[in-house]
C-alpha atoms as a PDB file:
ATOM      1  CA  MET A   1      -0.242   9.339  61.970  1.00  0.00           C
ATOM      2  CA  VAL A   2       2.402   6.597  62.172  1.00  0.00           C
ATOM      3  CA  ALA A   3       1.163   5.085  58.885  1.00  0.00           C
ATOM      4  CA  VAL A   4       1.375   8.476  57.131  1.00  0.00           C
ATOM      5  CA  THR A   5       4.902   8.990  58.438  1.00  0.00           C
ATOM      6  CA  LEU A   6       5.977   5.563  57.162  1.00  0.00           C
ATOM      7  CA  VAL A   7       4.505   6.293  53.725  1.00  0.00           C
ATOM      8  CA  ASP A   8       6.274   9.660  53.564  1.00  0.00           C
ATOM      9  CA  THR A   9       9.552   8.064  54.633  1.00  0.00           C
ATOM     10  CA  ALA A  10       9.254   5.357  51.984  1.00  0.00           C
ATOM     11  CA  ARG A  11       8.386   7.923  49.309  1.00  0.00           C
ATOM     12  CA  HIS A  12      11.364  10.075  50.283  1.00  0.00           C
ATOM     13  CA  ALA A  13      13.693   7.071  50.171  1.00  0.00           C
ATOM     14  CA  MET A  14      12.409   6.091  46.708  1.00  0.00           C
ATOM     15  CA  CYS A  15      12.855   9.663  45.450  1.00  0.00           C
ATOM     16  CA  THR A  16      16.391   9.814  46.822  1.00  0.00           C
ATOM     17  CA  ASP A  17      17.272   6.488  45.189  1.00  0.00           C
ATOM     18  CA  LEU A  18      15.813   7.649  41.856  1.00  0.00           C
ATOM     19  CA  GLN A  19      17.819  10.876  42.001  1.00  0.00           C
ATOM     20  CA  THR A  20      21.027   9.000  42.802  1.00  0.00           C
ATOM     21  CA  ARG A  21      20.535   6.597  39.899  1.00  0.00           C
ATOM     22  CA  LEU A  22      19.620   9.359  37.418  1.00  0.00           C
ATOM     23  CA  ILE A  23      22.667  11.381  38.444  1.00  0.00           C
ATOM     24  CA  GLY A  24      24.782   8.274  37.890  1.00  0.00           C
ATOM     25  CA  TYR A  25      23.182   7.869  34.451  1.00  0.00           C
ATOM     26  CA  ALA A  26      24.010  11.473  33.542  1.00  0.00           C
ATOM     27  CA  SER A  27      27.654  10.892  34.469  1.00  0.00           C
ATOM     28  CA  ARG A  28      28.078   7.784  32.281  1.00  0.00           C
ATOM     29  CA  VAL A  29      25.697   8.353  29.357  1.00  0.00           C
ATOM     30  CA  GLY A  30      28.533   9.895  27.344  1.00  0.00           C
ATOM     31  CA  THR A  31      30.169   6.472  27.169  1.00  0.00           C
ATOM     32  CA  LEU A  32      27.113   4.541  25.941  1.00  0.00           C
ATOM     33  CA  PRO A  33      27.818   3.282  22.399  1.00  0.00           C
ATOM     34  CA  THR A  34      24.366   3.214  20.750  1.00  0.00           C
ATOM     35  CA  PRO A  35      21.054   5.121  20.808  1.00  0.00           C
ATOM     36  CA  THR A  36      19.348   1.900  21.910  1.00  0.00           C
ATOM     37  CA  GLN A  37      21.509   1.673  25.012  1.00  0.00           C
ATOM     38  CA  VAL A  38      21.031   5.372  25.790  1.00  0.00           C
ATOM     39  CA  LEU A  39      17.259   4.832  25.918  1.00  0.00           C
ATOM     40  CA  ASP A  40      17.421   1.380  27.539  1.00  0.00           C
ATOM     41  CA  ASP A  41      19.517   2.579  30.477  1.00  0.00           C
ATOM     42  CA  LEU A  42      17.295   5.604  31.052  1.00  0.00           C
ATOM     43  CA  CYS A  43      14.121   3.492  30.934  1.00  0.00           C
ATOM     44  CA  ALA A  44      15.572   0.906  33.323  1.00  0.00           C
ATOM     45  CA  ILE A  45      15.944   3.625  35.939  1.00  0.00           C
ATOM     46  CA  THR A  46      12.621   5.450  35.557  1.00  0.00           C
ATOM     47  CA  ALA A  47      10.506   2.301  35.177  1.00  0.00           C
ATOM     48  CA  SER A  48      12.012   0.697  38.275  1.00  0.00           C
ATOM     49  CA  SER A  49      10.958   3.562  40.558  1.00  0.00           C
ATOM     50  CA  LEU A  50       7.966   5.099  38.779  1.00  0.00           C
ATOM     51  CA  PRO A  51       5.154   4.123  36.402  1.00  0.00           C
ATOM     52  CA  LEU A  52       7.225   5.854  33.726  1.00  0.00           C
ATOM     53  CA  SER A  53       8.722   4.255  30.619  1.00  0.00           C
ATOM     54  CA  VAL A  54      10.727   5.812  27.814  1.00  0.00           C
ATOM     55  CA  LEU A  55       8.826   6.337  24.567  1.00  0.00           C
ATOM     56  CA  GLY A  56      11.759   7.725  22.619  1.00  0.00           C
ATOM     57  CA  ALA A  57      13.652  10.843  21.593  1.00  0.00           C
ATOM     58  CA  VAL A  58      13.330  13.074  18.557  1.00  0.00           C
ATOM     59  CA  ARG A  59      15.407  15.852  17.062  1.00  0.00           C
ATOM     60  CA  LEU A  60      12.879  18.549  16.206  1.00  0.00           C
ATOM     61  CA  PRO A  61      12.923  19.995  12.681  1.00  0.00           C
ATOM     62  CA  LEU A  62      14.080  23.580  12.214  1.00  0.00           C
ATOM     63  CA  LYS A  63      10.937  24.410  10.267  1.00  0.00           C
ATOM     64  CA  SER A  64       7.770  24.072  12.322  1.00  0.00           C
ATOM     65  CA  ASN A  65       5.792  22.421   9.514  1.00  0.00           C
ATOM     66  CA  ASP A  66       8.540  20.013   8.441  1.00  0.00           C
ATOM     67  CA  TRP A  67       7.585  17.036  10.632  1.00  0.00           C
ATOM     68  CA  GLU A  68       7.768  14.660   7.678  1.00  0.00           C
ATOM     69  CA  SER A  69      11.565  15.167   7.608  1.00  0.00           C
ATOM     70  CA  ILE A  70      11.868  13.152  10.839  1.00  0.00           C
ATOM     71  CA  GLN A  71      13.426   9.758  10.059  1.00  0.00           C
ATOM     72  CA  LEU A  72      13.329   6.736  12.325  1.00  0.00           C
ATOM     73  CA  GLY A  73      16.832   5.727  13.359  1.00  0.00           C
ATOM     74  CA  LYS A  74      18.310   9.040  12.219  1.00  0.00           C
ATOM     75  CA  SER A  75      16.441  11.861  13.941  1.00  0.00           C
ATOM     76  CA  MET A  76      13.869   9.745  15.794  1.00  0.00           C
ATOM     77  CA  PHE A  77      14.771   6.952  18.214  1.00  0.00           C
ATOM     78  CA  LEU A  78      12.078   4.761  19.781  1.00  0.00           C
ATOM     79  CA  HIS A  79      12.394   2.555  22.847  1.00  0.00           C
ATOM     80  CA  ARG A  80      11.816  -1.110  22.106  1.00  0.00           C
ATOM     81  CA  ASP A  81       9.131  -1.535  24.802  1.00  0.00           C
ATOM     82  CA  LEU A  82       6.843   1.050  23.201  1.00  0.00           C
ATOM     83  CA  PRO A  83       3.335  -0.429  22.638  1.00  0.00           C
ATOM     84  CA  LYS A  84       3.448  -2.284  19.328  1.00  0.00           C
ATOM     85  CA  GLY A  85       1.618  -0.638  16.459  1.00  0.00           C
ATOM     86  CA  TRP A  86       1.500   2.857  17.966  1.00  0.00           C
ATOM     87  CA  TRP A  87       4.332   4.366  15.916  1.00  0.00           C
ATOM     88  CA  GLU A  88       3.039   2.971  12.622  1.00  0.00           C
ATOM     89  CA  GLU A  89      -0.442   4.347  13.239  1.00  0.00           C
ATOM     90  CA  TYR A  90       0.967   7.638  14.551  1.00  0.00           C
ATOM     91  CA  GLY A  91       2.942   8.119  11.336  1.00  0.00           C
ATOM     92  CA  THR A  92      -0.194   7.589   9.258  1.00  0.00           C
ATOM     93  CA  VAL A  93      -2.625   9.664  11.316  1.00  0.00           C
ATOM     94  CA  ALA A  94      -0.236  12.567  12.040  1.00  0.00           C
ATOM     95  CA  GLN A  95       0.231  13.683   8.430  1.00  0.00           C
ATOM     96  CA  GLY A  96      -0.918  17.266   8.015  1.00  0.00           C
ATOM     97  CA  LYS A  97      -2.136  17.562  11.604  1.00  0.00           C
ATOM     98  CA  PHE A  98      -1.141  19.800  14.510  1.00  0.00           C
ATOM     99  CA  ARG A  99       1.204  17.974  16.895  1.00  0.00           C
ATOM    100  CA  PRO A 100       0.643  19.683  20.257  1.00  0.00           C
ATOM    101  CA  LEU A 101       3.252  17.883  22.358  1.00  0.00           C
ATOM    102  CA  LEU A 102       6.101  18.338  19.884  1.00  0.00           C
ATOM    103  CA  SER A 103       5.049  21.854  18.893  1.00  0.00           C
ATOM    104  CA  LEU A 104       5.088  22.917  22.544  1.00  0.00           C
ATOM    105  CA  ALA A 105       8.483  21.272  23.021  1.00  0.00           C
ATOM    106  CA  LYS A 106       9.938  23.489  20.278  1.00  0.00           C
ATOM    107  CA  SER A 107       8.972  26.657  22.140  1.00  0.00           C
ATOM    108  CA  SER A 108       9.190  25.589  25.793  1.00  0.00           C
ATOM    109  CA  LEU A 109      11.913  24.749  28.290  1.00  0.00           C
ATOM    110  CA  ALA A 110       9.545  23.203  30.837  1.00  0.00           C
ATOM    111  CA  SER A 111       8.737  19.519  31.252  1.00  0.00           C
ATOM    112  CA  GLN A 112       4.992  19.013  30.896  1.00  0.00           C
ATOM    113  CA  THR A 113       2.855  15.908  31.350  1.00  0.00           C
ATOM    114  CA  TRP A 114       0.456  15.153  28.532  1.00  0.00           C
ATOM    115  CA  THR A 115      -2.469  15.633  30.911  1.00  0.00           C
ATOM    116  CA  GLU A 116      -1.208  19.094  31.858  1.00  0.00           C
ATOM    117  CA  VAL A 117      -0.726  20.065  28.209  1.00  0.00           C
ATOM    118  CA  ARG A 118      -4.244  18.898  27.408  1.00  0.00           C
ATOM    119  CA  ARG A 119      -5.694  20.975  30.245  1.00  0.00           C
ATOM    120  CA  MET A 120      -3.697  23.996  29.128  1.00  0.00           C
ATOM    121  CA  LEU A 121      -4.495  23.819  25.405  1.00  0.00           C
ATOM    122  CA  ALA A 122      -8.043  22.431  25.809  1.00  0.00           C
ATOM    123  CA  PRO A 123      -8.041  20.818  22.337  1.00  0.00           C
ATOM    124  CA  ILE A 124     -11.306  20.191  20.524  1.00  0.00           C
ATOM    125  CA  GLY A 125     -12.274  18.150  17.509  1.00  0.00           C
ATOM    126  CA  ILE A 126      -9.405  16.997  15.325  1.00  0.00           C
ATOM    127  CA  ASP A 127      -6.752  18.416  17.692  1.00  0.00           C
ATOM    128  CA  GLN A 128      -7.549  15.645  20.198  1.00  0.00           C
ATOM    129  CA  TRP A 129      -6.210  12.947  17.890  1.00  0.00           C
ATOM    130  CA  VAL A 130      -2.820  12.518  19.575  1.00  0.00           C
ATOM    131  CA  TYR A 131      -4.376  11.895  23.012  1.00  0.00           C
ATOM    132  CA  GLU A 132      -7.030   9.541  21.653  1.00  0.00           C
ATOM    133  CA  LEU A 133      -4.389   7.540  19.786  1.00  0.00           C
ATOM    134  CA  ALA A 134      -2.227   7.261  22.906  1.00  0.00           C
ATOM    135  CA  LEU A 135      -5.177   5.973  24.950  1.00  0.00           C
ATOM    136  CA  LYS A 136      -5.924   3.406  22.264  1.00  0.00           C
ATOM    137  CA  TYR A 137      -2.520   1.860  22.982  1.00  0.00           C
ATOM    138  CA  GLY A 138      -2.779   2.082  26.761  1.00  0.00           C
ATOM    139  CA  MET A 139      -0.726   5.243  27.151  1.00  0.00           C
ATOM    140  CA  ARG A 140      -2.830   7.303  29.546  1.00  0.00           C
ATOM    141  CA  ASP A 141      -0.242   9.974  30.225  1.00  0.00           C
ATOM    142  CA  GLY A 142       3.345  10.911  29.484  1.00  0.00           C
ATOM    143  CA  LEU A 143       6.086  13.423  30.111  1.00  0.00           C
ATOM    144  CA  THR A 144       7.726  15.452  27.366  1.00  0.00           C
ATOM    145  CA  CYS A 145      11.151  16.913  28.174  1.00  0.00           C
ATOM    146  CA  PRO A 146      12.238  19.559  25.647  1.00  0.00           C
ATOM    147  CA  VAL A 147      15.984  20.103  25.361  1.00  0.00           C
ATOM    148  CA  GLY A 148      17.091  23.447  23.963  1.00  0.00           C
ATOM    149  CA  GLY A 149      14.170  23.638  21.556  1.00  0.00           C
ATOM    150  CA  ARG A 150      15.923  21.069  19.338  1.00  0.00           C
ATOM    151  CA  TRP A 151      15.315  17.721  21.038  1.00  0.00           C
ATOM    152  CA  ALA A 152      12.458  16.169  22.964  1.00  0.00           C
ATOM    153  CA  VAL A 153      12.875  13.107  25.170  1.00  0.00           C
ATOM    154  CA  ILE A 154       9.472  11.564  25.775  1.00  0.00           C
ATOM    155  CA  PHE A 155       8.174   9.196  28.451  1.00  0.00           C
ATOM    156  CA  TRP A 156       4.815   7.427  28.716  1.00  0.00           C
ATOM    157  CA  SER A 157       2.727   5.910  31.495  1.00  0.00           C
ATOM    158  CA  ARG A 158      -0.446   3.906  32.041  1.00  0.00           C
ATOM    159  CA  ARG A 159      -1.347   6.293  34.895  1.00  0.00           C
ATOM    160  CA  ASP A 160      -2.103   9.988  35.298  1.00  0.00           C
ATOM    161  CA  LEU A 161       1.258  11.497  36.208  1.00  0.00           C
ATOM    162  CA  SER A 162       0.122  14.914  37.438  1.00  0.00           C
ATOM    163  CA  ASN A 163       0.167  13.948  41.119  1.00  0.00           C
ATOM    164  CA  ILE A 164       2.875  11.288  40.855  1.00  0.00           C
ATOM    165  CA  LEU A 165       5.770  13.374  39.556  1.00  0.00           C
ATOM    166  CA  SER A 166       6.863  15.973  42.098  1.00  0.00           C
ATOM    167  CA  GLN A 167       8.664  19.082  40.905  1.00  0.00           C
ATOM    168  CA  GLN A 168      11.904  17.780  42.359  1.00  0.00           C
ATOM    169  CA  THR A 169      11.535  14.466  40.531  1.00  0.00           C
ATOM    170  CA  ARG A 170      10.783  16.231  37.260  1.00  0.00           C
ATOM    171  CA  ILE A 171      13.918  18.349  37.546  1.00  0.00           C
ATOM    172  CA  VAL A 172      16.139  15.265  37.920  1.00  0.00           C
ATOM    173  CA  ILE A 173      14.356  13.404  35.083  1.00  0.00           C
ATOM    174  CA  PHE A 174      14.691  16.480  32.872  1.00  0.00           C
ATOM    175  CA  ALA A 175      18.418  16.709  33.641  1.00  0.00           C
ATOM    176  CA  ALA A 176      18.956  13.051  32.743  1.00  0.00           C
ATOM    177  CA  ALA A 177      16.881  13.495  29.573  1.00  0.00           C
ATOM    178  CA  SER A 178      19.049  16.462  28.601  1.00  0.00           C
ATOM    179  CA  PHE A 179      22.212  14.387  28.886  1.00  0.00           C
ATOM    180  CA  ALA A 180      20.528  11.616  26.866  1.00  0.00           C
ATOM    181  CA  ALA A 181      19.711  14.106  24.089  1.00  0.00           C
ATOM    182  CA  LEU A 182      23.279  15.395  24.041  1.00  0.00           C
ATOM    183  CA  ARG A 183      24.582  11.844  23.630  1.00  0.00           C
ATOM    184  CA  LEU A 184      22.059  11.073  20.890  1.00  0.00           C
ATOM    185  CA  GLU A 185      23.171  14.222  19.071  1.00  0.00           C
ATOM    186  CA  GLN A 186      26.720  12.850  19.044  1.00  0.00           C
ATOM    187  CA  LEU A 187      25.679   9.362  17.950  1.00  0.00           C
ATOM    188  CA  ALA A 188      23.264  10.476  15.242  1.00  0.00           C
ATOM    189  CA  SER A 189      25.859  12.580  13.371  1.00  0.00           C
ATOM    190  CA  LEU A 190      23.037  14.671  11.951  1.00  0.00           C
ATOM    191  CA  ASN A 191      23.700  17.073   9.119  1.00  0.00           C
ATOM    192  CA  VAL A 192      21.900  20.141   7.828  1.00  0.00           C
ATOM    193  CA  ASP A 193      20.808  18.471   4.588  1.00  0.00           C
ATOM    194  CA  ARG A 194      18.864  15.893   6.583  1.00  0.00           C
ATOM    195  CA  ILE A 195      17.155  18.227   9.038  1.00  0.00           C
ATOM    196  CA  GLY A 196      16.501  21.266   6.848  1.00  0.00           C
ATOM    197  CA  SER A 197      17.373  24.890   7.526  1.00  0.00           C
ATOM    198  CA  ARG A 198      15.727  28.024   8.842  1.00  0.00           C
ATOM    199  CA  ALA A 199      14.301  30.662   6.535  1.00  0.00           C
ATOM    200  CA  GLN A 200      16.982  33.298   5.896  1.00  0.00           C
ATOM    201  CA  LEU A 201      15.183  36.572   6.577  1.00  0.00           C
ATOM    202  CA  THR A 202      16.979  39.919   6.325  1.00  0.00           C
ATOM    203  CA  PRO A 203      17.282  42.203   9.376  1.00  0.00           C
ATOM    204  CA  ARG A 204      14.686  44.567   7.864  1.00  0.00           C
ATOM    205  CA  GLU A 205      12.234  41.754   7.181  1.00  0.00           C
ATOM    206  CA  LEU A 206      12.613  40.586  10.771  1.00  0.00           C
ATOM    207  CA  ALA A 207      12.190  44.136  12.079  1.00  0.00           C
ATOM    208  CA  VAL A 208       8.957  44.571  10.123  1.00  0.00           C
ATOM    209  CA  LEU A 209       7.619  41.199  11.329  1.00  0.00           C
ATOM    210  CA  ARG A 210       8.418  42.112  14.949  1.00  0.00           C
ATOM    211  CA  LEU A 211       6.522  45.390  14.705  1.00  0.00           C
ATOM    212  CA  VAL A 212       3.512  43.873  12.942  1.00  0.00           C
ATOM    213  CA  SER A 213       3.427  40.948  15.403  1.00  0.00           C
ATOM    214  CA  ILE A 214       2.683  43.363  18.282  1.00  0.00           C
ATOM    215  CA  GLY A 215      -0.191  45.063  16.480  1.00  0.00           C
ATOM    216  CA  ASN A 216       1.410  47.776  14.365  1.00  0.00           C
ATOM    217  CA  GLN A 217      -0.123  48.599  11.000  1.00  0.00           C
ATOM    218  CA  SER A 218       2.056  49.036   7.908  1.00  0.00           C
ATOM    219  CA  ARG A 219       2.025  52.822   8.306  1.00  0.00           C
ATOM    220  CA  ASP A 220       3.135  52.507  11.945  1.00  0.00           C
ATOM    221  CA  ALA A 221       5.994  50.197  10.982  1.00  0.00           C
ATOM    222  CA  ALA A 222       6.989  52.560   8.174  1.00  0.00           C
ATOM    223  CA  GLU A 223       7.162  55.499  10.584  1.00  0.00           C
ATOM    224  CA  ALA A 224       9.073  53.522  13.212  1.00  0.00           C
ATOM    225  CA  LEU A 225      11.683  52.279  10.740  1.00  0.00           C
ATOM    226  CA  GLY A 226      11.883  55.403   8.574  1.00  0.00           C
ATOM    227  CA  LEU A 227      10.742  53.517   5.481  1.00  0.00           C
ATOM    228  CA  GLY A 228       7.920  53.950   2.986  1.00  0.00           C
ATOM    229  CA  LYS A 229       4.684  51.990   3.317  1.00  0.00           C
ATOM    230  CA  GLU A 230       5.282  50.204   0.016  1.00  0.00           C
ATOM    231  CA  THR A 231       8.719  49.129   1.242  1.00  0.00           C
ATOM    232  CA  ILE A 232       7.107  47.721   4.392  1.00  0.00           C
ATOM    233  CA  ARG A 233       4.589  45.786   2.320  1.00  0.00           C
ATOM    234  CA  SER A 234       7.425  44.488   0.127  1.00  0.00           C
ATOM    235  CA  HIS A 235       9.374  43.252   3.169  1.00  0.00           C
ATOM    236  CA  LEU A 236       6.269  41.528   4.511  1.00  0.00           C
ATOM    237  CA  LYS A 237       5.598  39.833   1.184  1.00  0.00           C
ATOM    238  CA  LYS A 238       9.190  38.602   0.885  1.00  0.00           C
ATOM    239  CA  ALA A 239       9.130  37.289   4.446  1.00  0.00           C
ATOM    240  CA  GLN A 240       5.834  35.544   3.742  1.00  0.00           C
ATOM    241  CA  ILE A 241       7.297  33.779   0.694  1.00  0.00           C
ATOM    242  CA  LYS A 242      10.483  32.736   2.509  1.00  0.00           C
ATOM    243  CA  LEU A 243       8.468  31.306   5.401  1.00  0.00           C
ATOM    244  CA  GLY A 244       6.129  29.429   3.084  1.00  0.00           C
ATOM    245  CA  ALA A 245       3.185  31.286   4.610  1.00  0.00           C
ATOM    246  CA  SER A 246      -0.184  31.856   2.950  1.00  0.00           C
ATOM    247  CA  ASN A 247      -0.793  35.305   4.456  1.00  0.00           C
ATOM    248  CA  ARG A 248       0.642  37.914   6.830  1.00  0.00           C
ATOM    249  CA  SER A 249      -0.783  36.316   9.989  1.00  0.00           C
ATOM    250  CA  HIS A 250       0.597  32.926   8.956  1.00  0.00           C
ATOM    251  CA  ALA A 251       4.031  34.498   8.350  1.00  0.00           C
ATOM    252  CA  ILE A 252       4.082  36.003  11.846  1.00  0.00           C
ATOM    253  CA  ALA A 253       3.032  32.683  13.375  1.00  0.00           C
ATOM    254  CA  GLU A 254       5.785  30.819  11.486  1.00  0.00           C
ATOM    255  CA  ALA A 255       8.415  33.378  12.527  1.00  0.00           C
ATOM    256  CA  LEU A 256       7.369  32.939  16.154  1.00  0.00           C
ATOM    257  CA  ARG A 257       7.383  29.126  15.913  1.00  0.00           C
ATOM    258  CA  GLN A 258      10.882  29.173  14.456  1.00  0.00           C
ATOM    259  CA  ASN A 259      12.043  31.605  17.163  1.00  0.00           C
ATOM    260  CA  LEU A 260      13.052  34.153  14.515  1.00  0.00           C
ATOM    261  CA  ILE A 261      11.300  36.960  16.375  1.00  0.00           C
ATOM    262  CA  PRO A 262      10.680  37.314  20.136  1.00  0.00           C
END
């Protein structure tokens, strides 16, 4: 009983120290002059208290399928202690593939460990590539912190983090990561030409997509909006073209990924 109490006391003290240091980081990160220092200072804190190192931070593209627009040093910043060779192989293997961790970050506000995401999505076949590649470089687990659906600050670990990171610890890490992303946004001086733009759908096109996305047929959407069925089909076709979709289902999926419809 005494041993358990001592362990709990030590764990509480470590957690309190981590929180204090991360809060201090959040208060001064706005003065850090370079992206490298923003990531270095954050990693120095997390790695000293937890088996948790910074992988990097990325500004997510507006278009869900526009991952190739991400540029190292402009919209993607990597920490220097990242396992050597991982990023180069990631860039080669990732082309044309589903990126579960980043895709989830675009639509989520919750910090998820890679292990938890894998359990939730239960990937099979080719969709397991990102986890297999991470393991190849000794990255057993990680933590992805999405910030406003536009940034993701990512950590990695050689251990399973599910039972290591308490909810309280995650909240403080997420807060610090959010401040890091805000500072990187200022330092990157990103512009629209570099990161792309959303598809410009009309209010009627969006209304039709919303109705069809919840199971309405064209005739149902026509009745609900007071339009003809051919007009509904025309709006769907235009939306499909603007979204770069191959069919109606693909158009709805793209609109949802880009947060154009609820």
